[in-house]
PDB file of all heavy atoms in Angstrom:
ATOM      1  N   GLU A   1      -7.259   7.255  -3.921  1.00  0.00           N
ATOM      2  CA  GLU A   1      -7.901   6.374  -3.056  1.00  0.00           C
ATOM      3  C   GLU A   1      -7.001   6.045  -1.887  1.00  0.00           C
ATOM      4  O   GLU A   1      -5.760   5.900  -2.076  1.00  0.00           O
ATOM      5  CB  GLU A   1      -8.179   5.015  -3.801  1.00  0.00           C
ATOM      6  CG  GLU A   1      -8.585   3.847  -2.950  1.00  0.00           C
ATOM      7  CD  GLU A   1      -8.643   2.610  -3.741  1.00  0.00           C
ATOM      8  OE1 GLU A   1      -7.973   2.459  -4.666  1.00  0.00           O
ATOM      9  OE2 GLU A   1      -9.484   1.679  -3.392  1.00  0.00           O
ATOM     10  N   TRP A   2      -7.555   6.113  -0.696  1.00  0.00           N
ATOM     11  CA  TRP A   2      -6.717   5.779   0.480  1.00  0.00           C
ATOM     12  C   TRP A   2      -6.473   4.321   0.532  1.00  0.00           C
ATOM     13  O   TRP A   2      -7.275   3.370   0.251  1.00  0.00           O
ATOM     14  CB  TRP A   2      -7.426   6.178   1.769  1.00  0.00           C
ATOM     15  CG  TRP A   2      -6.810   5.599   2.999  1.00  0.00           C
ATOM     16  CD1 TRP A   2      -5.596   5.929   3.658  1.00  0.00           C
ATOM     17  CD2 TRP A   2      -7.413   4.566   3.732  1.00  0.00           C
ATOM     18  NE1 TRP A   2      -5.505   5.115   4.711  1.00  0.00           N
ATOM     19  CE2 TRP A   2      -6.516   4.281   4.819  1.00  0.00           C
ATOM     20  CE3 TRP A   2      -8.609   3.893   3.800  1.00  0.00           C
ATOM     21  CZ2 TRP A   2      -6.785   3.227   5.897  1.00  0.00           C
ATOM     22  CZ3 TRP A   2      -8.923   2.881   4.697  1.00  0.00           C
ATOM     23  CH2 TRP A   2      -7.909   2.600   5.748  1.00  0.00           C
ATOM     24  N   VAL A   3      -5.220   3.798   0.928  1.00  0.00           N
ATOM     25  CA  VAL A   3      -4.819   2.481   0.922  1.00  0.00           C
ATOM     26  C   VAL A   3      -4.564   1.914   2.345  1.00  0.00           C
ATOM     27  O   VAL A   3      -5.209   0.911   2.714  1.00  0.00           O
ATOM     28  CB  VAL A   3      -3.591   2.234   0.079  1.00  0.00           C
ATOM     29  CG1 VAL A   3      -3.033   0.788   0.230  1.00  0.00           C
ATOM     30  CG2 VAL A   3      -3.743   2.589  -1.426  1.00  0.00           C
ATOM     31  N   ALA A   4      -3.789   2.629   3.164  1.00  0.00           N
ATOM     32  CA  ALA A   4      -3.402   2.205   4.408  1.00  0.00           C
ATOM     33  C   ALA A   4      -2.847   3.291   5.251  1.00  0.00           C
ATOM     34  O   ALA A   4      -2.255   4.321   4.694  1.00  0.00           O
ATOM     35  CB  ALA A   4      -2.456   1.090   4.448  1.00  0.00           C
ATOM     36  N   TRP A   5      -2.995   3.274   6.544  1.00  0.00           N
ATOM     37  CA  TRP A   5      -2.173   4.248   7.442  1.00  0.00           C
ATOM     38  C   TRP A   5      -1.658   3.520   8.618  1.00  0.00           C
ATOM     39  O   TRP A   5      -2.022   2.422   8.952  1.00  0.00           O
ATOM     40  CB  TRP A   5      -3.148   5.456   7.835  1.00  0.00           C
ATOM     41  CG  TRP A   5      -4.312   5.098   8.783  1.00  0.00           C
ATOM     42  CD1 TRP A   5      -5.699   5.070   8.308  1.00  0.00           C
ATOM     43  CD2 TRP A   5      -4.434   4.764  10.114  1.00  0.00           C
ATOM     44  NE1 TRP A   5      -6.535   4.712   9.435  1.00  0.00           N
ATOM     45  CE2 TRP A   5      -5.782   4.508  10.509  1.00  0.00           C
ATOM     46  CE3 TRP A   5      -3.394   4.596  11.232  1.00  0.00           C
ATOM     47  CZ2 TRP A   5      -6.158   4.157  11.802  1.00  0.00           C
ATOM     48  CZ3 TRP A   5      -3.785   4.230  12.382  1.00  0.00           C
ATOM     49  CH2 TRP A   5      -5.149   3.981  12.756  1.00  0.00           C
ATOM     50  N   ILE A   6      -0.612   4.221   9.213  1.00  0.00           N
ATOM     51  CA  ILE A   6       0.045   3.702  10.384  1.00  0.00           C
ATOM     52  C   ILE A   6       0.381   4.895  11.365  1.00  0.00           C
ATOM     53  O   ILE A   6       0.726   6.003  10.908  1.00  0.00           O
ATOM     54  CB  ILE A   6       1.297   2.957  10.007  1.00  0.00           C
ATOM     55  CG1 ILE A   6       1.858   2.306  11.173  1.00  0.00           C
ATOM     56  CG2 ILE A   6       2.381   3.737   9.264  1.00  0.00           C
ATOM     57  CD1 ILE A   6       2.960   1.204  10.913  1.00  0.00           C
ATOM     58  N   GLY A   7       0.098   4.654  12.638  1.00  0.00           N
ATOM     59  CA  GLY A   7       0.569   5.600  13.596  1.00  0.00           C
ATOM     60  C   GLY A   7       2.018   5.200  13.887  1.00  0.00           C
ATOM     61  O   GLY A   7       2.252   4.116  14.407  1.00  0.00           O
ATOM     62  N   THR A   8       2.944   6.132  13.619  1.00  0.00           N
ATOM     63  CA  THR A   8       4.333   5.712  13.728  1.00  0.00           C
ATOM     64  C   THR A   8       4.835   5.586  15.160  1.00  0.00           C
ATOM     65  O   THR A   8       5.778   4.894  15.395  1.00  0.00           O
ATOM     66  CB  THR A   8       5.324   6.772  12.962  1.00  0.00           C
ATOM     67  OG1 THR A   8       4.980   8.025  13.592  1.00  0.00           O
ATOM     68  CG2 THR A   8       4.899   6.835  11.544  1.00  0.00           C
ATOM     69  N   LEU A   9       4.147   6.215  16.201  1.00  0.00           N
ATOM     70  CA  LEU A   9       4.408   5.956  17.476  1.00  0.00           C
ATOM     71  C   LEU A   9       3.749   4.723  18.148  1.00  0.00           C
ATOM     72  O   LEU A   9       4.414   3.921  18.786  1.00  0.00           O
ATOM     73  CB  LEU A   9       4.179   7.093  18.425  1.00  0.00           C
ATOM     74  CG  LEU A   9       4.674   8.426  18.001  1.00  0.00           C
ATOM     75  CD1 LEU A   9       4.291   9.574  18.825  1.00  0.00           C
ATOM     76  CD2 LEU A   9       6.247   8.322  18.045  1.00  0.00           C
ATOM     77  N   SER A  10       2.405   4.554  17.896  1.00  0.00           N
ATOM     78  CA  SER A  10       1.728   3.450  18.343  1.00  0.00           C
ATOM     79  C   SER A  10       1.894   2.119  17.607  1.00  0.00           C
ATOM     80  O   SER A  10       1.707   1.056  18.228  1.00  0.00           O
ATOM     81  CB  SER A  10       0.233   3.778  18.464  1.00  0.00           C
ATOM     82  OG  SER A  10      -0.294   3.969  17.184  1.00  0.00           O
ATOM     83  N   GLY A  11       2.171   2.271  16.396  1.00  0.00           N
ATOM     84  CA  GLY A  11       2.139   1.010  15.461  1.00  0.00           C
ATOM     85  C   GLY A  11       0.822   0.650  15.017  1.00  0.00           C
ATOM     86  O   GLY A  11       0.621  -0.280  14.302  1.00  0.00           O
ATOM     87  N   ASN A  12      -0.275   1.360  15.463  1.00  0.00           N
ATOM     88  CA  ASN A  12      -1.639   1.025  14.891  1.00  0.00           C
ATOM     89  C   ASN A  12      -1.710   1.160  13.470  1.00  0.00           C
ATOM     90  O   ASN A  12      -1.168   2.080  12.869  1.00  0.00           O
ATOM     91  CB  ASN A  12      -2.706   1.996  15.654  1.00  0.00           C
ATOM     92  CG  ASN A  12      -2.835   1.650  17.156  1.00  0.00           C
ATOM     93  OD1 ASN A  12      -2.522   0.535  17.546  1.00  0.00           O
ATOM     94  ND2 ASN A  12      -3.311   2.638  17.936  1.00  0.00           N
ATOM     95  N   THR A  13      -2.452   0.237  12.879  1.00  0.00           N
ATOM     96  CA  THR A  13      -2.607   0.342  11.379  1.00  0.00           C
ATOM     97  C   THR A  13      -4.039   0.189  10.992  1.00  0.00           C
ATOM     98  O   THR A  13      -4.932  -0.332  11.759  1.00  0.00           O
ATOM     99  CB  THR A  13      -1.828  -0.828  10.730  1.00  0.00           C
ATOM    100  OG1 THR A  13      -2.383  -2.049  11.196  1.00  0.00           O
ATOM    101  CG2 THR A  13      -0.384  -0.592  10.994  1.00  0.00           C
ATOM    102  N   ASN A  14      -4.385   0.472   9.805  1.00  0.00           N
ATOM    103  CA  ASN A  14      -5.688   0.230   9.158  1.00  0.00           C
ATOM    104  C   ASN A  14      -5.519   0.235   7.702  1.00  0.00           C
ATOM    105  O   ASN A  14      -4.630   0.811   7.037  1.00  0.00           O
ATOM    106  CB  ASN A  14      -6.764   1.403   9.513  1.00  0.00           C
ATOM    107  CG  ASN A  14      -8.092   0.862   9.419  1.00  0.00           C
ATOM    108  OD1 ASN A  14      -8.367  -0.282   9.180  1.00  0.00           O
ATOM    109  ND2 ASN A  14      -9.097   1.766   9.722  1.00  0.00           N
ATOM    110  N   TYR A  15      -6.365  -0.500   7.079  1.00  0.00           N
ATOM    111  CA  TYR A  15      -6.284  -0.832   5.711  1.00  0.00           C
ATOM    112  C   TYR A  15      -7.598  -0.578   4.898  1.00  0.00           C
ATOM    113  O   TYR A  15      -8.745  -0.879   5.559  1.00  0.00           O
ATOM    114  CB  TYR A  15      -5.771  -2.223   5.411  1.00  0.00           C
ATOM    115  CG  TYR A  15      -4.451  -2.534   5.922  1.00  0.00           C
ATOM    116  CD1 TYR A  15      -4.382  -3.049   7.320  1.00  0.00           C
ATOM    117  CD2 TYR A  15      -3.309  -2.425   5.135  1.00  0.00           C
ATOM    118  CE1 TYR A  15      -3.124  -3.240   7.800  1.00  0.00           C
ATOM    119  CE2 TYR A  15      -2.056  -2.679   5.690  1.00  0.00           C
ATOM    120  CZ  TYR A  15      -1.962  -3.189   7.054  1.00  0.00           C
ATOM    121  OH  TYR A  15      -0.722  -3.438   7.591  1.00  0.00           O
ATOM    122  N   ALA A  16      -7.528  -0.200   3.658  1.00  0.00           N
ATOM    123  CA  ALA A  16      -8.713  -0.265   2.714  1.00  0.00           C
ATOM    124  C   ALA A  16      -9.182  -1.671   2.478  1.00  0.00           C
ATOM    125  O   ALA A  16      -8.261  -2.648   2.462  1.00  0.00           O
ATOM    126  CB  ALA A  16      -8.509   0.461   1.509  1.00  0.00           C
ATOM    127  N   ASP A  17     -10.426  -1.996   2.464  1.00  0.00           N
ATOM    128  CA  ASP A  17     -10.885  -3.296   2.198  1.00  0.00           C
ATOM    129  C   ASP A  17     -10.235  -3.968   0.873  1.00  0.00           C
ATOM    130  O   ASP A  17     -10.106  -5.203   0.901  1.00  0.00           O
ATOM    131  CB  ASP A  17     -12.440  -3.398   1.991  1.00  0.00           C
ATOM    132  CG  ASP A  17     -13.141  -3.033   3.374  1.00  0.00           C
ATOM    133  OD1 ASP A  17     -12.500  -3.265   4.471  1.00  0.00           O
ATOM    134  OD2 ASP A  17     -14.330  -2.766   3.222  1.00  0.00           O
ATOM    135  N   SER A  18     -10.015  -3.139  -0.032  1.00  0.00           N
ATOM    136  CA  SER A  18      -9.483  -3.656  -1.248  1.00  0.00           C
ATOM    137  C   SER A  18      -8.047  -4.325  -1.118  1.00  0.00           C
ATOM    138  O   SER A  18      -7.680  -5.015  -2.104  1.00  0.00           O
ATOM    139  CB  SER A  18      -9.392  -2.630  -2.364  1.00  0.00           C
ATOM    140  OG  SER A  18      -8.646  -1.552  -1.944  1.00  0.00           O
ATOM    141  N   VAL A  19      -7.342  -4.001  -0.091  1.00  0.00           N
ATOM    142  CA  VAL A  19      -5.979  -4.463   0.038  1.00  0.00           C
ATOM    143  C   VAL A  19      -5.698  -5.333   1.235  1.00  0.00           C
ATOM    144  O   VAL A  19      -4.617  -5.879   1.560  1.00  0.00           O
ATOM    145  CB  VAL A  19      -4.961  -3.378  -0.039  1.00  0.00           C
ATOM    146  CG1 VAL A  19      -5.104  -2.421  -1.199  1.00  0.00           C
ATOM    147  CG2 VAL A  19      -4.977  -2.565   1.299  1.00  0.00           C
ATOM    148  N   LYS A  20      -6.799  -5.399   2.118  1.00  0.00           N
ATOM    149  CA  LYS A  20      -6.695  -6.215   3.385  1.00  0.00           C
ATOM    150  C   LYS A  20      -6.243  -7.657   3.026  1.00  0.00           C
ATOM    151  O   LYS A  20      -6.795  -8.293   2.220  1.00  0.00           O
ATOM    152  CB  LYS A  20      -8.042  -6.201   4.250  1.00  0.00           C
ATOM    153  CG  LYS A  20      -8.207  -4.986   4.833  1.00  0.00           C
ATOM    154  CD  LYS A  20      -9.580  -5.043   5.614  1.00  0.00           C
ATOM    155  CE  LYS A  20      -9.899  -3.675   6.427  1.00  0.00           C
ATOM    156  NZ  LYS A  20     -11.199  -3.726   7.109  1.00  0.00           N
ATOM    157  N   GLY A  21      -5.266  -8.267   3.809  1.00  0.00           N
ATOM    158  CA  GLY A  21      -4.708  -9.438   3.687  1.00  0.00           C
ATOM    159  C   GLY A  21      -3.716  -9.471   2.669  1.00  0.00           C
ATOM    160  O   GLY A  21      -3.003 -10.686   2.461  1.00  0.00           O
ATOM    161  N   ARG A  22      -3.409  -8.496   1.779  1.00  0.00           N
ATOM    162  CA  ARG A  22      -2.475  -8.533   0.733  1.00  0.00           C
ATOM    163  C   ARG A  22      -1.328  -7.580   0.981  1.00  0.00           C
ATOM    164  O   ARG A  22      -0.185  -7.797   0.742  1.00  0.00           O
ATOM    165  CB  ARG A  22      -3.033  -8.246  -0.664  1.00  0.00           C
ATOM    166  CG  ARG A  22      -4.080  -9.290  -1.070  1.00  0.00           C
ATOM    167  CD  ARG A  22      -4.527  -9.136  -2.460  1.00  0.00           C
ATOM    168  NE  ARG A  22      -5.137  -7.779  -2.693  1.00  0.00           N
ATOM    169  CZ  ARG A  22      -4.818  -6.860  -3.535  1.00  0.00           C
ATOM    170  NH1 ARG A  22      -3.566  -7.152  -4.302  1.00  0.00           N
ATOM    171  NH2 ARG A  22      -5.334  -5.720  -3.691  1.00  0.00           N
ATOM    172  N   PHE A  23      -1.690  -6.449   1.559  1.00  0.00           N
ATOM    173  CA  PHE A  23      -0.725  -5.343   1.846  1.00  0.00           C
ATOM    174  C   PHE A  23      -0.416  -5.196   3.318  1.00  0.00           C
ATOM    175  O   PHE A  23      -1.377  -5.424   4.210  1.00  0.00           O
ATOM    176  CB  PHE A  23      -1.225  -3.993   1.310  1.00  0.00           C
ATOM    177  CG  PHE A  23      -1.320  -3.918  -0.204  1.00  0.00           C
ATOM    178  CD1 PHE A  23      -1.230  -4.916  -1.018  1.00  0.00           C
ATOM    179  CD2 PHE A  23      -1.524  -2.575  -0.681  1.00  0.00           C
ATOM    180  CE1 PHE A  23      -1.278  -4.814  -2.409  1.00  0.00           C
ATOM    181  CE2 PHE A  23      -1.709  -2.408  -2.030  1.00  0.00           C
ATOM    182  CZ  PHE A  23      -1.548  -3.466  -2.915  1.00  0.00           C
ATOM    183  N   THR A  24       0.875  -4.834   3.666  1.00  0.00           N
ATOM    184  CA  THR A  24       1.154  -4.704   4.996  1.00  0.00           C
ATOM    185  C   THR A  24       1.922  -3.254   5.095  1.00  0.00           C
ATOM    186  O   THR A  24       2.886  -3.195   4.371  1.00  0.00           O
ATOM    187  CB  THR A  24       1.993  -5.775   5.634  1.00  0.00           C
ATOM    188  OG1 THR A  24       1.316  -6.986   5.533  1.00  0.00           O
ATOM    189  CG2 THR A  24       2.408  -5.481   7.186  1.00  0.00           C
ATOM    190  N   ILE A  25       1.436  -2.411   6.049  1.00  0.00           N
ATOM    191  CA  ILE A  25       2.205  -1.203   6.341  1.00  0.00           C
ATOM    192  C   ILE A  25       3.009  -1.295   7.458  1.00  0.00           C
ATOM    193  O   ILE A  25       2.484  -1.989   8.479  1.00  0.00           O
ATOM    194  CB  ILE A  25       1.226  -0.002   6.250  1.00  0.00           C
ATOM    195  CG1 ILE A  25       2.063   1.333   6.371  1.00  0.00           C
ATOM    196  CG2 ILE A  25       0.311  -0.119   7.475  1.00  0.00           C
ATOM    197  CD1 ILE A  25       1.151   2.565   6.135  1.00  0.00           C
ATOM    198  N   SER A  26       4.199  -0.922   7.483  1.00  0.00           N
ATOM    199  CA  SER A  26       5.063  -0.926   8.645  1.00  0.00           C
ATOM    200  C   SER A  26       5.936   0.314   8.803  1.00  0.00           C
ATOM    201  O   SER A  26       6.142   1.118   7.754  1.00  0.00           O
ATOM    202  CB  SER A  26       5.883  -2.248   8.655  1.00  0.00           C
ATOM    203  OG  SER A  26       6.783  -2.275   7.425  1.00  0.00           O
ATOM    204  N   ARG A  27       6.600   0.498   9.950  1.00  0.00           N
ATOM    205  CA  ARG A  27       7.439   1.689  10.135  1.00  0.00           C
ATOM    206  C   ARG A  27       8.862   1.185  10.620  1.00  0.00           C
ATOM    207  O   ARG A  27       9.034   0.280  11.412  1.00  0.00           O
ATOM    208  CB  ARG A  27       6.798   2.668  10.973  1.00  0.00           C
ATOM    209  CG  ARG A  27       7.039   2.679  12.394  1.00  0.00           C
ATOM    210  CD  ARG A  27       6.235   1.525  13.094  1.00  0.00           C
ATOM    211  NE  ARG A  27       5.969   1.830  14.540  1.00  0.00           N
ATOM    212  CZ  ARG A  27       5.646   0.960  15.430  1.00  0.00           C
ATOM    213  NH1 ARG A  27       5.555  -0.344  15.031  1.00  0.00           N
ATOM    214  NH2 ARG A  27       5.532   1.298  16.674  1.00  0.00           N
ATOM    215  N   ASP A  28       9.805   2.009  10.316  1.00  0.00           N
ATOM    216  CA  ASP A  28      11.125   1.867  10.902  1.00  0.00           C
ATOM    217  C   ASP A  28      11.384   3.276  11.291  1.00  0.00           C
ATOM    218  O   ASP A  28      11.856   4.101  10.798  1.00  0.00           O
ATOM    219  CB  ASP A  28      12.215   1.449   9.881  1.00  0.00           C
ATOM    220  CG  ASP A  28      13.575   1.288  10.461  1.00  0.00           C
ATOM    221  OD1 ASP A  28      13.808   1.792  11.628  1.00  0.00           O
ATOM    222  OD2 ASP A  28      14.414   0.677   9.753  1.00  0.00           O
ATOM    223  N   ASN A  29      11.001   3.557  12.743  1.00  0.00           N
ATOM    224  CA  ASN A  29      11.049   4.883  13.216  1.00  0.00           C
ATOM    225  C   ASN A  29      12.530   5.438  13.237  1.00  0.00           C
ATOM    226  O   ASN A  29      12.878   6.621  13.130  1.00  0.00           O
ATOM    227  CB  ASN A  29      10.569   4.872  14.633  1.00  0.00           C
ATOM    228  CG  ASN A  29       9.004   4.839  14.544  1.00  0.00           C
ATOM    229  OD1 ASN A  29       8.477   4.914  13.504  1.00  0.00           O
ATOM    230  ND2 ASN A  29       8.495   4.519  15.772  1.00  0.00           N
ATOM    231  N   ALA A  30      13.511   4.505  13.471  1.00  0.00           N
ATOM    232  CA  ALA A  30      14.940   5.018  13.418  1.00  0.00           C
ATOM    233  C   ALA A  30      15.382   5.587  12.258  1.00  0.00           C
ATOM    234  O   ALA A  30      16.296   6.471  12.167  1.00  0.00           O
ATOM    235  CB  ALA A  30      15.834   3.806  13.782  1.00  0.00           C
TER     236      ALA A  30
END
């Protein structure tokens, strides 16, 4: 099951409905 994705350059994110509001995806590009 897909959970979340992030564009590492743009910072855009999206989440599966089952985890929205509970999970946060983030990146540390360095």
